[in-house]
Amino acid sequence: MVQAYILIQTEVGKATAVAQAISEINGVLQAEDVTGPYDVIVRAEADSVDDLGRLVVAQVQQVEGITRTLTCPVVHL
């Protein structure tokens, strides 16, 4: 299982709607509005890195109001 944080920038005033829409995607564990350089932070999981990539590109990035994403996979050292 691969987990990652997805940092999201949104259009002005869209953070709450984006977080709510993303929270309904299968594989998303948590989606929260935040302040700072990013507007929404998501914790997601998938079976593999490839599946995680598909989750981000095919589902998360398709949510209306998103302008940029940055995916940060969790590592266990």
Protein backbone atom coordinates (compact mmCIF):
# COMPACT_ATOMS: atom_id res chain seq x y z
CA MET A 1 0.00 0.00 0.00
CA VAL A 2 1.30 3.45 -0.97
CA GLN A 3 0.16 6.57 0.83
CA ALA A 4 0.73 10.19 -0.12
CA TYR A 5 -0.15 13.74 0.75
CA ILE A 6 -1.48 15.75 -2.17
CA LEU A 7 -1.01 19.50 -1.80
CA ILE A 8 -3.52 21.45 -3.85
CA GLN A 9 -3.83 25.05 -4.99
CA THR A 10 -7.30 26.17 -6.02
CA GLU A 11 -9.00 29.08 -7.66
CA VAL A 12 -9.92 31.82 -5.17
CA GLY A 13 -12.94 30.82 -3.10
CA LYS A 14 -13.00 27.20 -4.31
CA ALA A 15 -11.09 25.41 -1.52
CA THR A 16 -14.11 24.16 0.41
CA ALA A 17 -15.88 22.83 -2.68
CA VAL A 18 -12.67 21.17 -3.91
CA ALA A 19 -12.01 19.50 -0.53
CA GLN A 20 -15.58 18.24 -0.36
CA ALA A 21 -15.51 16.82 -3.90
CA ILE A 22 -12.14 15.15 -3.38
CA SER A 23 -13.20 13.60 -0.06
CA GLU A 24 -15.74 11.51 -2.01
CA ILE A 25 -13.09 9.91 -4.28
CA ASN A 26 -12.29 6.27 -3.54
CA GLY A 27 -8.77 6.08 -2.08
CA VAL A 28 -8.90 9.49 -0.40
CA LEU A 29 -8.56 9.12 3.36
CA GLN A 30 -8.90 12.80 4.27
CA ALA A 31 -9.23 16.17 2.54
CA GLU A 32 -8.97 19.43 4.48
CA ASP A 33 -8.94 23.16 3.76
CA VAL A 34 -5.76 24.79 5.03
CA THR A 35 -4.11 28.21 4.97
CA GLY A 36 -0.73 29.02 3.50
CA PRO A 37 0.68 28.40 0.01
CA TYR A 38 -1.74 25.48 -0.51
CA ASP A 39 -5.50 25.58 -0.11
CA VAL A 40 -6.31 21.88 0.38
CA ILE A 41 -4.24 18.98 1.70
CA VAL A 42 -5.33 15.43 0.92
CA ARG A 43 -4.15 12.12 2.35
CA ALA A 44 -4.67 9.28 -0.11
CA GLU A 45 -3.69 5.66 -0.54
CA ALA A 46 -3.45 3.21 -3.42
CA ASP A 47 -2.15 -0.30 -4.02
CA SER A 48 0.89 0.87 -6.02
CA VAL A 49 2.69 4.01 -7.16
CA ASP A 50 1.11 3.57 -10.60
CA ASP A 51 -2.36 3.37 -9.04
CA LEU A 52 -1.58 6.48 -7.00
CA GLY A 53 -0.58 8.32 -10.16
CA ARG A 54 -3.81 7.28 -11.85
CA LEU A 55 -5.79 8.44 -8.80
CA VAL A 56 -4.17 11.87 -8.93
CA VAL A 57 -4.26 12.40 -12.71
CA ALA A 58 -7.57 10.73 -13.60
CA GLN A 59 -9.64 11.73 -10.58
CA VAL A 60 -8.16 14.38 -8.28
CA GLN A 61 -6.89 16.72 -11.00
CA GLN A 62 -10.24 16.54 -12.78
CA VAL A 63 -12.05 18.27 -9.90
CA GLU A 64 -13.21 21.70 -10.99
CA GLY A 65 -11.38 24.59 -9.32
CA ILE A 66 -7.93 22.99 -8.97
CA THR A 67 -5.05 24.95 -10.47
CA ARG A 68 -2.05 22.87 -9.31
CA THR A 69 -1.20 19.71 -7.36
CA LEU A 70 1.95 18.41 -5.72
CA THR A 71 2.01 14.74 -4.71
CA CYS A 72 4.28 13.78 -1.77
CA PRO A 73 4.50 10.00 -1.26
CA VAL A 74 4.98 8.84 2.34
CA VAL A 75 8.24 6.96 2.92
CA HIS A 76 9.06 4.63 5.79
CA LEU A 77 12.79 4.81 6.51
